[in-house]
Amino acid sequence: MSEYFDKYVDDKGSWDHDLWNMHRIVTDNLPNILQSVYRQGMSDGQRTIVEKAANIDPQMPQSPAQSQDNSLAQQVLDALGRQSTLTFKI
């Protein structure tokens, strides 16, 4: 127990009350401090999502050019034994 206070007492026996008070405040309020940090992080995350949603581009999105050799579609057609276009009647 005597070593616990060594960091708060210098070689001359003088106490560093500021350091002691700061450590006690942080220790006593740690749950509140962590909750505040968590809320701030959530707030920043929500703000980022809102900013991205608000800054939309009015142009029509361009779809990537489809390759003539679509291996997955070709595999399905090969498995069905058909080389023509696959259609579904809904």
PDB file of N, CA and C in Angstrom:
ATOM      1  N   MET A   1       0.815  -1.188   0.000  1.00  0.00           N
ATOM      2  CA  MET A   1       0.000   0.000   0.000  1.00  0.00           C
ATOM      3  C   MET A   1       0.861   1.256   0.000  1.00  0.00           C
ATOM      4  N   SER A   2       2.010   1.188   0.612  1.00  0.00           N
ATOM      5  CA  SER A   2       2.863   2.377   0.692  1.00  0.00           C
ATOM      6  C   SER A   2       3.405   2.761  -0.677  1.00  0.00           C
ATOM      7  N   GLU A   3       3.552   1.825  -1.585  1.00  0.00           N
ATOM      8  CA  GLU A   3       4.062   2.121  -2.922  1.00  0.00           C
ATOM      9  C   GLU A   3       2.998   2.791  -3.805  1.00  0.00           C
ATOM     10  N   TYR A   4       1.741   2.633  -3.452  1.00  0.00           N
ATOM     11  CA  TYR A   4       0.658   3.205  -4.248  1.00  0.00           C
ATOM     12  C   TYR A   4       0.760   4.726  -4.328  1.00  0.00           C
ATOM     13  N   PHE A   5       1.165   5.365  -3.245  1.00  0.00           N
ATOM     14  CA  PHE A   5       1.214   6.825  -3.187  1.00  0.00           C
ATOM     15  C   PHE A   5       2.563   7.394  -3.621  1.00  0.00           C
ATOM     16  N   ASP A   6       3.532   6.544  -3.958  1.00  0.00           N
ATOM     17  CA  ASP A   6       4.866   7.027  -4.328  1.00  0.00           C
ATOM     18  C   ASP A   6       4.846   7.974  -5.524  1.00  0.00           C
ATOM     19  N   LYS A   7       3.969   7.734  -6.474  1.00  0.00           N
ATOM     20  CA  LYS A   7       3.938   8.619  -7.657  1.00  0.00           C
ATOM     21  C   LYS A   7       3.367  10.004  -7.344  1.00  0.00           C
ATOM     22  N   TYR A   8       2.714  10.145  -6.193  1.00  0.00           N
ATOM     23  CA  TYR A   8       2.126  11.428  -5.817  1.00  0.00           C
ATOM     24  C   TYR A   8       3.001  12.213  -4.831  1.00  0.00           C
ATOM     25  N   VAL A   9       4.081  11.593  -4.343  1.00  0.00           N
ATOM     26  CA  VAL A   9       4.964  12.235  -3.367  1.00  0.00           C
ATOM     27  C   VAL A   9       6.367  12.295  -3.972  1.00  0.00           C
ATOM     28  N   ASP A  10       6.967  13.499  -3.936  1.00  0.00           N
ATOM     29  CA  ASP A  10       8.326  13.621  -4.480  1.00  0.00           C
ATOM     30  C   ASP A  10       9.362  13.234  -3.413  1.00  0.00           C
ATOM     31  N   ASP A  11      10.645  13.391  -3.747  1.00  0.00           N
ATOM     32  CA  ASP A  11      11.745  12.994  -2.852  1.00  0.00           C
ATOM     33  C   ASP A  11      11.762  13.798  -1.549  1.00  0.00           C
ATOM     34  N   LYS A  12      11.244  15.007  -1.585  1.00  0.00           N
ATOM     35  CA  LYS A  12      11.245  15.855  -0.387  1.00  0.00           C
ATOM     36  C   LYS A  12      10.015  15.612   0.496  1.00  0.00           C
ATOM     37  N   GLY A  13       9.096  14.766   0.038  1.00  0.00           N
ATOM     38  CA  GLY A  13       7.896  14.478   0.818  1.00  0.00           C
ATOM     39  C   GLY A  13       6.728  15.382   0.495  1.00  0.00           C
ATOM     40  N   SER A  14       6.866  16.178  -0.545  1.00  0.00           N
ATOM     41  CA  SER A  14       5.766  17.069  -0.945  1.00  0.00           C
ATOM     42  C   SER A  14       4.790  16.307  -1.843  1.00  0.00           C
ATOM     43  N   TRP A  15       3.518  16.534  -1.577  1.00  0.00           N
ATOM     44  CA  TRP A  15       2.479  15.872  -2.360  1.00  0.00           C
ATOM     45  C   TRP A  15       2.156  16.666  -3.629  1.00  0.00           C
ATOM     46  N   ASP A  16       1.909  15.942  -4.704  1.00  0.00           N
ATOM     47  CA  ASP A  16       1.436  16.541  -5.954  1.00  0.00           C
ATOM     48  C   ASP A  16      -0.090  16.394  -5.966  1.00  0.00           C
ATOM     49  N   HIS A  17      -0.758  17.357  -5.351  1.00  0.00           N
ATOM     50  CA  HIS A  17      -2.208  17.285  -5.207  1.00  0.00           C
ATOM     51  C   HIS A  17      -2.940  17.383  -6.541  1.00  0.00           C
ATOM     52  N   ASP A  18      -2.360  18.116  -7.486  1.00  0.00           N
ATOM     53  CA  ASP A  18      -3.008  18.239  -8.794  1.00  0.00           C
ATOM     54  C   ASP A  18      -3.064  16.886  -9.501  1.00  0.00           C
ATOM     55  N   LEU A  19      -1.951  16.154  -9.472  1.00  0.00           N
ATOM     56  CA  LEU A  19      -1.923  14.836 -10.097  1.00  0.00           C
ATOM     57  C   LEU A  19      -2.879  13.881  -9.387  1.00  0.00           C
ATOM     58  N   TRP A  20      -2.886  13.918  -8.062  1.00  0.00           N
ATOM     59  CA  TRP A  20      -3.788  13.071  -7.275  1.00  0.00           C
ATOM     60  C   TRP A  20      -5.247  13.369  -7.623  1.00  0.00           C
ATOM     61  N   ASN A  21      -5.593  14.656  -7.653  1.00  0.00           N
ATOM     62  CA  ASN A  21      -6.975  15.046  -7.967  1.00  0.00           C
ATOM     63  C   ASN A  21      -7.373  14.645  -9.380  1.00  0.00           C
ATOM     64  N   MET A  22      -6.459  14.831 -10.334  1.00  0.00           N
ATOM     65  CA  MET A  22      -6.754  14.475 -11.713  1.00  0.00           C
ATOM     66  C   MET A  22      -7.000  12.964 -11.826  1.00  0.00           C
ATOM     67  N   HIS A  23      -6.158  12.156 -11.206  1.00  0.00           N
ATOM     68  CA  HIS A  23      -6.336  10.704 -11.266  1.00  0.00           C
ATOM     69  C   HIS A  23      -7.633  10.268 -10.591  1.00  0.00           C
ATOM     70  N   ARG A  24      -7.980  10.896  -9.492  1.00  0.00           N
ATOM     71  CA  ARG A  24      -9.219  10.551  -8.794  1.00  0.00           C
ATOM     72  C   ARG A  24     -10.446  10.935  -9.624  1.00  0.00           C
ATOM     73  N   ILE A  25     -10.390  12.100 -10.255  1.00  0.00           N
ATOM     74  CA  ILE A  25     -11.517  12.544 -11.083  1.00  0.00           C
ATOM     75  C   ILE A  25     -11.723  11.586 -12.253  1.00  0.00           C
ATOM     76  N   VAL A  26     -10.639  11.222 -12.916  1.00  0.00           N
ATOM     77  CA  VAL A  26     -10.748  10.301 -14.052  1.00  0.00           C
ATOM     78  C   VAL A  26     -11.247   8.943 -13.579  1.00  0.00           C
ATOM     79  N   THR A  27     -10.697   8.441 -12.481  1.00  0.00           N
ATOM     80  CA  THR A  27     -11.099   7.136 -11.975  1.00  0.00           C
ATOM     81  C   THR A  27     -12.565   7.130 -11.540  1.00  0.00           C
ATOM     82  N   ASP A  28     -12.982   8.162 -10.858  1.00  0.00           N
ATOM     83  CA  ASP A  28     -14.364   8.222 -10.373  1.00  0.00           C
ATOM     84  C   ASP A  28     -15.377   8.413 -11.502  1.00  0.00           C
ATOM     85  N   ASN A  29     -14.972   9.080 -12.562  1.00  0.00           N
ATOM     86  CA  ASN A  29     -15.896   9.410 -13.648  1.00  0.00           C
ATOM     87  C   ASN A  29     -15.649   8.613 -14.924  1.00  0.00           C
ATOM     88  N   LEU A  30     -14.909   7.538 -14.842  1.00  0.00           N
ATOM     89  CA  LEU A  30     -14.566   6.776 -16.037  1.00  0.00           C
ATOM     90  C   LEU A  30     -15.793   6.285 -16.808  1.00  0.00           C
ATOM     91  N   PRO A  31     -16.814   5.736 -16.165  1.00  0.00           N
ATOM     92  CA  PRO A  31     -17.992   5.322 -16.948  1.00  0.00           C
ATOM     93  C   PRO A  31     -18.649   6.483 -17.692  1.00  0.00           C
ATOM     94  N   ASN A  32     -18.736   7.634 -17.058  1.00  0.00           N
ATOM     95  CA  ASN A  32     -19.338   8.798 -17.730  1.00  0.00           C
ATOM     96  C   ASN A  32     -18.467   9.287 -18.879  1.00  0.00           C
ATOM     97  N   ILE A  33     -17.162   9.258 -18.698  1.00  0.00           N
ATOM     98  CA  ILE A  33     -16.237   9.693 -19.755  1.00  0.00           C
ATOM     99  C   ILE A  33     -16.356   8.762 -20.953  1.00  0.00           C
ATOM    100  N   LEU A  34     -16.367   7.457 -20.717  1.00  0.00           N
ATOM    101  CA  LEU A  34     -16.474   6.497 -21.814  1.00  0.00           C
ATOM    102  C   LEU A  34     -17.817   6.617 -22.526  1.00  0.00           C
ATOM    103  N   GLN A  35     -18.879   6.845 -21.790  1.00  0.00           N
ATOM    104  CA  GLN A  35     -20.186   7.005 -22.401  1.00  0.00           C
ATOM    105  C   GLN A  35     -20.220   8.264 -23.279  1.00  0.00           C
ATOM    106  N   SER A  36     -19.593   9.326 -22.839  1.00  0.00           N
ATOM    107  CA  SER A  36     -19.537  10.558 -23.638  1.00  0.00           C
ATOM    108  C   SER A  36     -18.747  10.347 -24.920  1.00  0.00           C
ATOM    109  N   VAL A  37     -17.630   9.645 -24.814  1.00  0.00           N
ATOM    110  CA  VAL A  37     -16.814   9.357 -26.007  1.00  0.00           C
ATOM    111  C   VAL A  37     -17.609   8.499 -26.987  1.00  0.00           C
ATOM    112  N   TYR A  38     -18.311   7.494 -26.477  1.00  0.00           N
ATOM    113  CA  TYR A  38     -19.126   6.624 -27.330  1.00  0.00           C
ATOM    114  C   TYR A  38     -20.216   7.429 -28.036  1.00  0.00           C
ATOM    115  N   ARG A  39     -20.911   8.286 -27.301  1.00  0.00           N
ATOM    116  CA  ARG A  39     -21.971   9.104 -27.904  1.00  0.00           C
ATOM    117  C   ARG A  39     -21.416  10.042 -28.964  1.00  0.00           C
ATOM    118  N   GLN A  40     -20.247  10.607 -28.715  1.00  0.00           N
ATOM    119  CA  GLN A  40     -19.631  11.497 -29.694  1.00  0.00           C
ATOM    120  C   GLN A  40     -19.290  10.726 -30.966  1.00  0.00           C
ATOM    121  N   GLY A  41     -18.773   9.515 -30.805  1.00  0.00           N
ATOM    122  CA  GLY A  41     -18.464   8.688 -31.972  1.00  0.00           C
ATOM    123  C   GLY A  41     -19.707   8.330 -32.759  1.00  0.00           C
ATOM    124  N   MET A  42     -20.792   8.007 -32.064  1.00  0.00           N
ATOM    125  CA  MET A  42     -22.049   7.709 -32.740  1.00  0.00           C
ATOM    126  C   MET A  42     -22.564   8.954 -33.479  1.00  0.00           C
ATOM    127  N   SER A  43     -22.459  10.091 -32.851  1.00  0.00           N
ATOM    128  CA  SER A  43     -22.916  11.332 -33.467  1.00  0.00           C
ATOM    129  C   SER A  43     -22.118  11.635 -34.731  1.00  0.00           C
ATOM    130  N   ASP A  44     -20.800  11.460 -34.664  1.00  0.00           N
ATOM    131  CA  ASP A  44     -19.956  11.701 -35.838  1.00  0.00           C
ATOM    132  C   ASP A  44     -20.295  10.727 -36.963  1.00  0.00           C
ATOM    133  N   GLY A  45     -20.556   9.474 -36.608  1.00  0.00           N
ATOM    134  CA  GLY A  45     -20.916   8.480 -37.615  1.00  0.00           C
ATOM    135  C   GLY A  45     -22.234   8.804 -38.288  1.00  0.00           C
ATOM    136  N   GLN A  46     -23.215   9.218 -37.505  1.00  0.00           N
ATOM    137  CA  GLN A  46     -24.511   9.581 -38.071  1.00  0.00           C
ATOM    138  C   GLN A  46     -24.385  10.823 -38.944  1.00  0.00           C
ATOM    139  N   ARG A  47     -23.565  11.766 -38.520  1.00  0.00           N
ATOM    140  CA  ARG A  47     -23.372  12.983 -39.312  1.00  0.00           C
ATOM    141  C   ARG A  47     -22.752  12.629 -40.670  1.00  0.00           C
ATOM    142  N   THR A  48     -21.818  11.710 -40.696  1.00  0.00           N
ATOM    143  CA  THR A  48     -21.183  11.300 -41.943  1.00  0.00           C
ATOM    144  C   THR A  48     -22.200  10.660 -42.878  1.00  0.00           C
ATOM    145  N   ILE A  49     -23.071   9.827 -42.338  1.00  0.00           N
ATOM    146  CA  ILE A  49     -24.090   9.182 -43.160  1.00  0.00           C
ATOM    147  C   ILE A  49     -25.046  10.219 -43.734  1.00  0.00           C
ATOM    148  N   VAL A  50     -25.461  11.175 -42.923  1.00  0.00           N
ATOM    149  CA  VAL A  50     -26.379  12.212 -43.395  1.00  0.00           C
ATOM    150  C   VAL A  50     -25.704  13.063 -44.466  1.00  0.00           C
ATOM    151  N   GLU A  51     -24.448  13.397 -44.287  1.00  0.00           N
ATOM    152  CA  GLU A  51     -23.744  14.206 -45.284  1.00  0.00           C
ATOM    153  C   GLU A  51     -23.626  13.457 -46.609  1.00  0.00           C
ATOM    154  N   LYS A  52     -23.350  12.167 -46.550  1.00  0.00           N
ATOM    155  CA  LYS A  52     -23.257  11.383 -47.786  1.00  0.00           C
ATOM    156  C   LYS A  52     -24.615  11.281 -48.456  1.00  0.00           C
ATOM    157  N   ALA A  53     -25.673  11.109 -47.674  1.00  0.00           N
ATOM    158  CA  ALA A  53     -27.009  10.997 -48.248  1.00  0.00           C
ATOM    159  C   ALA A  53     -27.478  12.332 -48.814  1.00  0.00           C
ATOM    160  N   ALA A  54     -27.092  13.431 -48.197  1.00  0.00           N
ATOM    161  CA  ALA A  54     -27.531  14.750 -48.646  1.00  0.00           C
ATOM    162  C   ALA A  54     -26.785  15.204 -49.895  1.00  0.00           C
ATOM    163  N   ASN A  55     -25.603  14.710 -50.117  1.00  0.00           N
ATOM    164  CA  ASN A  55     -24.789  15.118 -51.266  1.00  0.00           C
ATOM    165  C   ASN A  55     -24.913  14.098 -52.391  1.00  0.00           C
ATOM    166  N   ILE A  56     -26.134  13.925 -52.880  1.00  0.00           N
ATOM    167  CA  ILE A  56     -26.347  12.961 -53.946  1.00  0.00           C
ATOM    168  C   ILE A  56     -26.004  13.581 -55.290  1.00  0.00           C
ATOM    169  N   ASP A  57     -25.701  12.747 -56.243  1.00  0.00           N
ATOM    170  CA  ASP A  57     -25.383  13.194 -57.595  1.00  0.00           C
ATOM    171  C   ASP A  57     -26.633  13.011 -58.451  1.00  0.00           C
ATOM    172  N   PRO A  58     -27.170  14.096 -59.053  1.00  0.00           N
ATOM    173  CA  PRO A  58     -28.420  13.977 -59.794  1.00  0.00           C
ATOM    174  C   PRO A  58     -28.283  13.237 -61.121  1.00  0.00           C
ATOM    175  N   GLN A  59     -27.076  12.938 -61.565  1.00  0.00           N
ATOM    176  CA  GLN A  59     -26.896  12.252 -62.836  1.00  0.00           C
ATOM    177  C   GLN A  59     -27.293  10.784 -62.704  1.00  0.00           C
ATOM    178  N   MET A  60     -27.737  10.231 -63.805  1.00  0.00           N
ATOM    179  CA  MET A  60     -28.126   8.829 -63.829  1.00  0.00           C
ATOM    180  C   MET A  60     -26.870   7.976 -63.685  1.00  0.00           C
ATOM    181  N   PRO A  61     -26.892   7.003 -62.797  1.00  0.00           N
ATOM    182  CA  PRO A  61     -25.707   6.160 -62.652  1.00  0.00           C
ATOM    183  C   PRO A  61     -25.472   5.333 -63.909  1.00  0.00           C
ATOM    184  N   GLN A  62     -24.233   5.206 -64.253  1.00  0.00           N
ATOM    185  CA  GLN A  62     -23.856   4.446 -65.432  1.00  0.00           C
ATOM    186  C   GLN A  62     -23.614   2.996 -65.044  1.00  0.00           C
ATOM    187  N   SER A  63     -24.305   2.099 -65.712  1.00  0.00           N
ATOM    188  CA  SER A  63     -24.071   0.686 -65.422  1.00  0.00           C
ATOM    189  C   SER A  63     -22.829   0.232 -66.179  1.00  0.00           C
ATOM    190  N   PRO A  64     -22.051  -0.634 -65.567  1.00  0.00           N
ATOM    191  CA  PRO A  64     -20.854  -1.100 -66.257  1.00  0.00           C
ATOM    192  C   PRO A  64     -21.235  -1.921 -67.479  1.00  0.00           C
ATOM    193  N   ALA A  65     -20.434  -1.811 -68.508  1.00  0.00           N
ATOM    194  CA  ALA A  65     -20.682  -2.567 -69.730  1.00  0.00           C
ATOM    195  C   ALA A  65     -20.588  -4.053 -69.420  1.00  0.00           C
ATOM    196  N   GLN A  66     -21.607  -4.794 -69.861  1.00  0.00           N
ATOM    197  CA  GLN A  66     -21.600  -6.223 -69.571  1.00  0.00           C
ATOM    198  C   GLN A  66     -20.738  -6.946 -70.580  1.00  0.00           C
ATOM    199  N   SER A  67     -19.991  -7.837 -70.047  1.00  0.00           N
ATOM    200  CA  SER A  67     -19.080  -8.619 -70.864  1.00  0.00           C
ATOM    201  C   SER A  67     -19.889  -9.644 -71.657  1.00  0.00           C
ATOM    202  N   GLN A  68     -19.454  -9.938 -72.871  1.00  0.00           N
ATOM    203  CA  GLN A  68     -20.108 -10.952 -73.677  1.00  0.00           C
ATOM    204  C   GLN A  68     -19.884 -12.342 -73.090  1.00  0.00           C
ATOM    205  N   ASP A  69     -18.805 -12.503 -72.372  1.00  0.00           N
ATOM    206  CA  ASP A  69     -18.479 -13.799 -71.781  1.00  0.00           C
ATOM    207  C   ASP A  69     -18.785 -13.762 -70.290  1.00  0.00           C
ATOM    208  N   ASN A  70     -20.058 -13.905 -69.938  1.00  0.00           N
ATOM    209  CA  ASN A  70     -20.472 -13.932 -68.544  1.00  0.00           C
ATOM    210  C   ASN A  70     -20.401 -15.383 -68.098  1.00  0.00           C
ATOM    211  N   SER A  71     -19.349 -15.718 -67.372  1.00  0.00           N
ATOM    212  CA  SER A  71     -19.091 -17.115 -67.065  1.00  0.00           C
ATOM    213  C   SER A  71     -20.184 -17.743 -66.212  1.00  0.00           C
ATOM    214  N   LEU A  72     -20.756 -16.993 -65.247  1.00  0.00           N
ATOM    215  CA  LEU A  72     -21.806 -17.557 -64.411  1.00  0.00           C
ATOM    216  C   LEU A  72     -23.056 -17.847 -65.231  1.00  0.00           C
ATOM    217  N   ALA A  73     -23.456 -16.896 -66.075  1.00  0.00           N
ATOM    218  CA  ALA A  73     -24.625 -17.112 -66.922  1.00  0.00           C
ATOM    219  C   ALA A  73     -24.379 -18.260 -67.889  1.00  0.00           C
ATOM    220  N   GLN A  74     -23.183 -18.338 -68.416  1.00  0.00           N
ATOM    221  CA  GLN A  74     -22.835 -19.414 -69.339  1.00  0.00           C
ATOM    222  C   GLN A  74     -22.864 -20.763 -68.632  1.00  0.00           C
ATOM    223  N   GLN A  75     -22.413 -20.800 -67.396  1.00  0.00           N
ATOM    224  CA  GLN A  75     -22.438 -22.050 -66.636  1.00  0.00           C
ATOM    225  C   GLN A  75     -23.864 -22.506 -66.385  1.00  0.00           C
ATOM    226  N   VAL A  76     -24.772 -21.560 -66.090  1.00  0.00           N
ATOM    227  CA  VAL A  76     -26.179 -21.906 -65.871  1.00  0.00           C
ATOM    228  C   VAL A  76     -26.784 -22.447 -67.158  1.00  0.00           C
ATOM    229  N   LEU A  77     -26.529 -21.767 -68.257  1.00  0.00           N
ATOM    230  CA  LEU A  77     -27.063 -22.231 -69.532  1.00  0.00           C
ATOM    231  C   LEU A  77     -26.510 -23.603 -69.895  1.00  0.00           C
ATOM    232  N   ASP A  78     -25.245 -23.824 -69.670  1.00  0.00           N
ATOM    233  CA  ASP A  78     -24.639 -25.125 -69.949  1.00  0.00           C
ATOM    234  C   ASP A  78     -25.244 -26.204 -69.067  1.00  0.00           C
ATOM    235  N   ALA A  79     -25.515 -25.881 -67.806  1.00  0.00           N
ATOM    236  CA  ALA A  79     -26.103 -26.861 -66.898  1.00  0.00           C
ATOM    237  C   ALA A  79     -27.521 -27.216 -67.315  1.00  0.00           C
ATOM    238  N   LEU A  80     -28.249 -26.242 -67.871  1.00  0.00           N
ATOM    239  CA  LEU A  80     -29.605 -26.509 -68.333  1.00  0.00           C
ATOM    240  C   LEU A  80     -29.632 -27.129 -69.722  1.00  0.00           C
ATOM    241  N   GLY A  81     -28.488 -27.126 -70.391  1.00  0.00           N
ATOM    242  CA  GLY A  81     -28.415 -27.702 -71.722  1.00  0.00           C
ATOM    243  C   GLY A  81     -28.991 -26.809 -72.790  1.00  0.00           C
ATOM    244  N   ARG A  82     -29.024 -25.515 -72.544  1.00  0.00           N
ATOM    245  CA  ARG A  82     -29.565 -24.564 -73.500  1.00  0.00           C
ATOM    246  C   ARG A  82     -28.508 -23.515 -73.807  1.00  0.00           C
ATOM    247  N   GLN A  83     -28.425 -23.119 -75.040  1.00  0.00           N
ATOM    248  CA  GLN A  83     -27.504 -22.059 -75.442  1.00  0.00           C
ATOM    249  C   GLN A  83     -28.231 -20.761 -75.759  1.00  0.00           C
ATOM    250  N   SER A  84     -29.558 -20.745 -75.615  1.00  0.00           N
ATOM    251  CA  SER A  84     -30.313 -19.529 -75.909  1.00  0.00           C
ATOM    252  C   SER A  84     -30.543 -18.742 -74.623  1.00  0.00           C
ATOM    253  N   THR A  85     -31.273 -17.654 -74.748  1.00  0.00           N
ATOM    254  CA  THR A  85     -31.540 -16.778 -73.613  1.00  0.00           C
ATOM    255  C   THR A  85     -32.498 -17.462 -72.646  1.00  0.00           C
ATOM    256  N   LEU A  86     -32.195 -17.426 -71.392  1.00  0.00           N
ATOM    257  CA  LEU A  86     -33.020 -18.023 -70.343  1.00  0.00           C
ATOM    258  C   LEU A  86     -34.075 -17.010 -69.915  1.00  0.00           C
ATOM    259  N   THR A  87     -35.366 -17.409 -69.944  1.00  0.00           N
ATOM    260  CA  THR A  87     -36.445 -16.513 -69.540  1.00  0.00           C
ATOM    261  C   THR A  87     -37.311 -17.214 -68.513  1.00  0.00           C
ATOM    262  N   PHE A  88     -37.980 -16.383 -67.696  1.00  0.00           N
ATOM    263  CA  PHE A  88     -38.899 -16.887 -66.695  1.00  0.00           C
ATOM    264  C   PHE A  88     -40.262 -16.238 -66.917  1.00  0.00           C
ATOM    265  N   LYS A  89     -41.323 -17.019 -66.827  1.00  0.00           N
ATOM    266  CA  LYS A  89     -42.662 -16.486 -66.954  1.00  0.00           C
ATOM    267  C   LYS A  89     -43.197 -16.260 -65.560  1.00  0.00           C
ATOM    268  N   ILE A  90     -43.577 -15.022 -65.278  1.00  0.00           N
ATOM    269  CA  ILE A  90     -44.047 -14.682 -63.933  1.00  0.00           C
ATOM    270  C   ILE A  90     -45.553 -14.526 -63.944  1.00  0.00           C
TER     271      ILE A  90
END
